[in-house]
Amino acid sequence: MRLQISTRLAIFAVLELTAREGCQLSVADIGEKYGVSSHHLAKVMHVMGRNGLVRSVRGAGGGYQFVGNARRVTLLDVAQLFEDLSAVDRDTSGADATPEGQALHEVLNEIDDIARATLGSITLATMRKLVDRHSSSTGRRSKPAAPRRRNQTRS
């Protein structure tokens, strides 16, 4: 399954933010780590903010914080903000109207269902553990984005 750049950036960003609980990271810090445009990442962060996954903090030490529950938010939750993951409608004219076209459509819908189920079964906390395992198995940690400041109130 191929994900749009915005979806991949959103996943990378929330993984960075969940790794640094209580810290705020700027768009520039996250963008620098992944070598992506701050402008594009800012749009992604805005969408996630509107949907309650992150919170922006304005000011000199501002940035973004993850405000969801990493044990409940799934990759599907993030992906659905940027992807249309609904089943593909079948074109009932031409080749798709044939038994072969209908069979292919059925198989492709099943693949889409499996992909949605898989994304829905992986939480950000699980993904964070997987990232940490990959970091330790290669013997090197990825360079963390520099945290802006600590949040003084914890819930």
C-alpha atoms as a PDB file:
ATOM      1  CA  MET A   1       0.000   0.000   0.000  1.00  0.00           C
ATOM      2  CA  ARG A   2       1.320   3.392  -0.913  1.00  0.00           C
ATOM      3  CA  LEU A   3       0.550   6.289   1.375  1.00  0.00           C
ATOM      4  CA  GLN A   4       0.489   9.916   0.323  1.00  0.00           C
ATOM      5  CA  ILE A   5       3.402  12.079   1.432  1.00  0.00           C
ATOM      6  CA  SER A   6       1.100  13.971   3.808  1.00  0.00           C
ATOM      7  CA  THR A   7       0.106  10.729   5.521  1.00  0.00           C
ATOM      8  CA  ARG A   8       3.707   9.617   5.913  1.00  0.00           C
ATOM      9  CA  LEU A   9       4.686  13.027   7.291  1.00  0.00           C
ATOM     10  CA  ALA A  10       1.814  12.911   9.768  1.00  0.00           C
ATOM     11  CA  ILE A  11       2.874   9.479  11.014  1.00  0.00           C
ATOM     12  CA  PHE A  12       6.516  10.552  11.319  1.00  0.00           C
ATOM     13  CA  ALA A  13       5.496  13.722  13.165  1.00  0.00           C
ATOM     14  CA  VAL A  14       3.252  12.001  15.723  1.00  0.00           C
ATOM     15  CA  LEU A  15       5.921   9.365  16.304  1.00  0.00           C
ATOM     16  CA  GLU A  16       8.426  12.138  17.050  1.00  0.00           C
ATOM     17  CA  LEU A  17       5.966  13.839  19.373  1.00  0.00           C
ATOM     18  CA  THR A  18       5.027  10.631  21.212  1.00  0.00           C
ATOM     19  CA  ALA A  19       8.713   9.824  21.730  1.00  0.00           C
ATOM     20  CA  ARG A  20       9.109  13.131  23.548  1.00  0.00           C
ATOM     21  CA  GLU A  21       6.069  13.220  25.784  1.00  0.00           C
ATOM     22  CA  GLY A  22       5.604  16.610  27.377  1.00  0.00           C
ATOM     23  CA  CYS A  23       7.936  18.331  24.920  1.00  0.00           C
ATOM     24  CA  GLN A  24       7.063  20.674  22.136  1.00  0.00           C
ATOM     25  CA  LEU A  25       8.706  20.304  18.766  1.00  0.00           C
ATOM     26  CA  SER A  26       8.707  22.890  16.028  1.00  0.00           C
ATOM     27  CA  VAL A  27       7.787  22.121  12.441  1.00  0.00           C
ATOM     28  CA  ALA A  28      11.343  23.072  11.500  1.00  0.00           C
ATOM     29  CA  ASP A  29      12.826  20.549  13.967  1.00  0.00           C
ATOM     30  CA  ILE A  30      10.671  17.701  12.696  1.00  0.00           C
ATOM     31  CA  GLY A  31      11.091  18.701   9.061  1.00  0.00           C
ATOM     32  CA  GLU A  32      14.869  18.848   9.409  1.00  0.00           C
ATOM     33  CA  LYS A  33      15.069  15.298  10.767  1.00  0.00           C
ATOM     34  CA  TYR A  34      13.089  13.883   7.851  1.00  0.00           C
ATOM     35  CA  GLY A  35      14.404  16.257   5.202  1.00  0.00           C
ATOM     36  CA  VAL A  36      10.975  17.611   4.305  1.00  0.00           C
ATOM     37  CA  SER A  37       9.548  21.016   3.559  1.00  0.00           C
ATOM     38  CA  SER A  38       8.505  22.930   6.667  1.00  0.00           C
ATOM     39  CA  HIS A  39       5.715  24.489   4.616  1.00  0.00           C
ATOM     40  CA  HIS A  40       4.214  21.101   3.703  1.00  0.00           C
ATOM     41  CA  LEU A  41       4.690  19.747   7.226  1.00  0.00           C
ATOM     42  CA  ALA A  42       2.985  22.841   8.675  1.00  0.00           C
ATOM     43  CA  LYS A  43      -0.113  22.071   6.593  1.00  0.00           C
ATOM     44  CA  VAL A  44      -0.069  18.474   7.853  1.00  0.00           C
ATOM     45  CA  MET A  45       0.285  19.625  11.463  1.00  0.00           C
ATOM     46  CA  HIS A  46      -2.613  22.058  10.980  1.00  0.00           C
ATOM     47  CA  VAL A  47      -4.880  19.199   9.821  1.00  0.00           C
ATOM     48  CA  MET A  48      -3.851  17.084  12.806  1.00  0.00           C
ATOM     49  CA  GLY A  49      -4.467  20.046  15.118  1.00  0.00           C
ATOM     50  CA  ARG A  50      -7.967  20.582  13.729  1.00  0.00           C
ATOM     51  CA  ASN A  51      -8.659  16.898  14.394  1.00  0.00           C
ATOM     52  CA  GLY A  52      -7.394  16.936  17.981  1.00  0.00           C
ATOM     53  CA  LEU A  53      -4.240  14.831  17.618  1.00  0.00           C
ATOM     54  CA  VAL A  54      -1.782  17.646  18.252  1.00  0.00           C
ATOM     55  CA  ARG A  55      -1.883  21.009  19.933  1.00  0.00           C
ATOM     56  CA  SER A  56       0.054  24.029  18.790  1.00  0.00           C
ATOM     57  CA  VAL A  57       1.733  26.282  21.300  1.00  0.00           C
ATOM     58  CA  ARG A  58       2.500  29.756  20.043  1.00  0.00           C
ATOM     59  CA  GLY A  59       5.384  31.936  20.997  1.00  0.00           C
ATOM     60  CA  ALA A  60       9.171  31.899  21.000  1.00  0.00           C
ATOM     61  CA  GLY A  61       9.424  28.434  22.556  1.00  0.00           C
ATOM     62  CA  GLY A  62       6.321  27.174  20.808  1.00  0.00           C
ATOM     63  CA  GLY A  63       5.768  24.138  18.725  1.00  0.00           C
ATOM     64  CA  TYR A  64       3.490  21.114  18.685  1.00  0.00           C
ATOM     65  CA  GLN A  65       2.591  18.522  21.283  1.00  0.00           C
ATOM     66  CA  PHE A  66       0.797  15.220  20.830  1.00  0.00           C
ATOM     67  CA  VAL A  67      -2.446  15.320  22.822  1.00  0.00           C
ATOM     68  CA  GLY A  68      -3.997  11.990  21.907  1.00  0.00           C
ATOM     69  CA  ASN A  69      -3.600   8.681  23.672  1.00  0.00           C
ATOM     70  CA  ALA A  70      -0.752   6.803  21.973  1.00  0.00           C
ATOM     71  CA  ARG A  71      -2.186   3.506  23.238  1.00  0.00           C
ATOM     72  CA  ARG A  72      -5.494   4.164  21.504  1.00  0.00           C
ATOM     73  CA  VAL A  73      -4.701   6.206  18.403  1.00  0.00           C
ATOM     74  CA  THR A  74      -3.955   3.914  15.465  1.00  0.00           C
ATOM     75  CA  LEU A  75      -2.134   4.368  12.205  1.00  0.00           C
ATOM     76  CA  LEU A  76      -5.566   4.173  10.560  1.00  0.00           C
ATOM     77  CA  ASP A  77      -6.751   7.145  12.646  1.00  0.00           C
ATOM     78  CA  VAL A  78      -3.845   9.206  11.331  1.00  0.00           C
ATOM     79  CA  ALA A  79      -4.054   7.918   7.747  1.00  0.00           C
ATOM     80  CA  GLN A  80      -7.778   8.645   7.457  1.00  0.00           C
ATOM     81  CA  LEU A  81      -7.052  12.340   7.934  1.00  0.00           C
ATOM     82  CA  PHE A  82      -5.219  12.376   4.588  1.00  0.00           C
ATOM     83  CA  GLU A  83      -6.333   9.296   2.648  1.00  0.00           C
ATOM     84  CA  ASP A  84      -9.623   8.100   1.203  1.00  0.00           C
ATOM     85  CA  LEU A  85      -9.524   4.548   2.516  1.00  0.00           C
ATOM     86  CA  SER A  86     -13.063   3.626   1.570  1.00  0.00           C
ATOM     87  CA  ALA A  87     -13.688   0.688  -0.745  1.00  0.00           C
ATOM     88  CA  VAL A  88     -13.171   1.437  -4.424  1.00  0.00           C
ATOM     89  CA  ASP A  89     -16.374   1.745  -6.418  1.00  0.00           C
ATOM     90  CA  ARG A  90     -16.591  -0.647  -9.307  1.00  0.00           C
ATOM     91  CA  ASP A  91     -17.047   0.641 -12.833  1.00  0.00           C
ATOM     92  CA  THR A  92     -19.958  -1.433 -14.115  1.00  0.00           C
ATOM     93  CA  SER A  93     -19.197  -0.674 -17.743  1.00  0.00           C
ATOM     94  CA  GLY A  94     -16.525  -2.196 -19.930  1.00  0.00           C
ATOM     95  CA  ALA A  95     -14.050  -4.738 -18.581  1.00  0.00           C
ATOM     96  CA  ASP A  96     -15.176  -4.306 -14.961  1.00  0.00           C
ATOM     97  CA  ALA A  97     -18.629  -5.601 -15.895  1.00  0.00           C
ATOM     98  CA  THR A  98     -17.170  -8.949 -16.958  1.00  0.00           C
ATOM     99  CA  PRO A  99     -16.851 -11.878 -14.543  1.00  0.00           C
ATOM    100  CA  GLU A 100     -13.081 -11.361 -14.630  1.00  0.00           C
ATOM    101  CA  GLY A 101     -13.447  -7.680 -13.772  1.00  0.00           C
ATOM    102  CA  GLN A 102     -15.849  -8.495 -10.947  1.00  0.00           C
ATOM    103  CA  ALA A 103     -13.484 -11.140  -9.561  1.00  0.00           C
ATOM    104  CA  LEU A 104     -10.548  -8.736  -9.704  1.00  0.00           C
ATOM    105  CA  HIS A 105     -12.619  -6.061  -7.983  1.00  0.00           C
ATOM    106  CA  GLU A 106     -13.496  -8.528  -5.216  1.00  0.00           C
ATOM    107  CA  VAL A 107      -9.828  -9.418  -4.671  1.00  0.00           C
ATOM    108  CA  LEU A 108      -8.751  -5.763  -4.643  1.00  0.00           C
ATOM    109  CA  ASN A 109     -11.473  -4.882  -2.130  1.00  0.00           C
ATOM    110  CA  GLU A 110     -10.296  -7.734   0.091  1.00  0.00           C
ATOM    111  CA  ILE A 111      -6.722  -6.419  -0.072  1.00  0.00           C
ATOM    112  CA  ASP A 112      -7.987  -2.939   0.871  1.00  0.00           C
ATOM    113  CA  ASP A 113      -9.968  -4.422   3.787  1.00  0.00           C
ATOM    114  CA  ILE A 114      -6.856  -6.214   5.067  1.00  0.00           C
ATOM    115  CA  ALA A 115      -4.780  -3.037   4.771  1.00  0.00           C
ATOM    116  CA  ARG A 116      -7.396  -1.022   6.711  1.00  0.00           C
ATOM    117  CA  ALA A 117      -7.625  -3.735   9.380  1.00  0.00           C
ATOM    118  CA  THR A 118      -3.847  -3.831   9.741  1.00  0.00           C
ATOM    119  CA  LEU A 119      -3.534  -0.045  10.033  1.00  0.00           C
ATOM    120  CA  GLY A 120      -6.380  -0.074  12.543  1.00  0.00           C
ATOM    121  CA  SER A 121      -4.670  -2.690  14.696  1.00  0.00           C
ATOM    122  CA  ILE A 122      -1.375  -0.833  15.143  1.00  0.00           C
ATOM    123  CA  THR A 123      -1.375   1.900  17.768  1.00  0.00           C
ATOM    124  CA  LEU A 124       1.129   4.714  17.911  1.00  0.00           C
ATOM    125  CA  ALA A 125       2.550   3.151  21.087  1.00  0.00           C
ATOM    126  CA  THR A 126       3.106  -0.135  19.251  1.00  0.00           C
ATOM    127  CA  MET A 127       4.669   1.687  16.327  1.00  0.00           C
ATOM    128  CA  ARG A 128       6.914   3.614  18.712  1.00  0.00           C
ATOM    129  CA  LYS A 129       8.145   0.300  20.184  1.00  0.00           C
ATOM    130  CA  LEU A 130       8.827  -0.993  16.691  1.00  0.00           C
ATOM    131  CA  VAL A 131      10.820   2.135  15.854  1.00  0.00           C
ATOM    132  CA  ASP A 132      12.819   1.785  19.074  1.00  0.00           C
ATOM    133  CA  ARG A 133      13.505  -1.892  18.328  1.00  0.00           C
ATOM    134  CA  HIS A 134      14.753  -1.012  14.836  1.00  0.00           C
ATOM    135  CA  SER A 135      16.932   1.743  16.285  1.00  0.00           C
ATOM    136  CA  SER A 136      18.542  -0.598  18.808  1.00  0.00           C
ATOM    137  CA  SER A 137      18.972  -3.471  16.340  1.00  0.00           C
ATOM    138  CA  THR A 138      20.978  -1.271  14.007  1.00  0.00           C
ATOM    139  CA  GLY A 139      23.115  -0.137  16.919  1.00  0.00           C
ATOM    140  CA  ARG A 140      22.285   3.502  16.394  1.00  0.00           C
ATOM    141  CA  ARG A 141      19.529   5.787  17.467  1.00  0.00           C
ATOM    142  CA  SER A 142      18.015   8.147  14.996  1.00  0.00           C
ATOM    143  CA  LYS A 143      18.931  11.757  15.667  1.00  0.00           C
ATOM    144  CA  PRO A 144      16.071  13.157  17.735  1.00  0.00           C
ATOM    145  CA  ALA A 145      14.595  16.491  16.895  1.00  0.00           C
ATOM    146  CA  ALA A 146      15.548  19.058  19.511  1.00  0.00           C
ATOM    147  CA  PRO A 147      12.744  19.628  22.028  1.00  0.00           C
ATOM    148  CA  ARG A 148      11.669  23.228  22.486  1.00  0.00           C
ATOM    149  CA  ARG A 149      10.609  23.202  26.136  1.00  0.00           C
ATOM    150  CA  ARG A 150       8.893  21.029  28.665  1.00  0.00           C
ATOM    151  CA  ASN A 151       5.218  21.291  29.414  1.00  0.00           C
ATOM    152  CA  GLN A 152       4.871  22.143  33.091  1.00  0.00           C
ATOM    153  CA  THR A 153       1.478  20.484  33.563  1.00  0.00           C
ATOM    154  CA  ARG A 154       1.057  16.775  33.052  1.00  0.00           C
ATOM    155  CA  SER A 155      -2.241  14.978  32.931  1.00  0.00           C
END
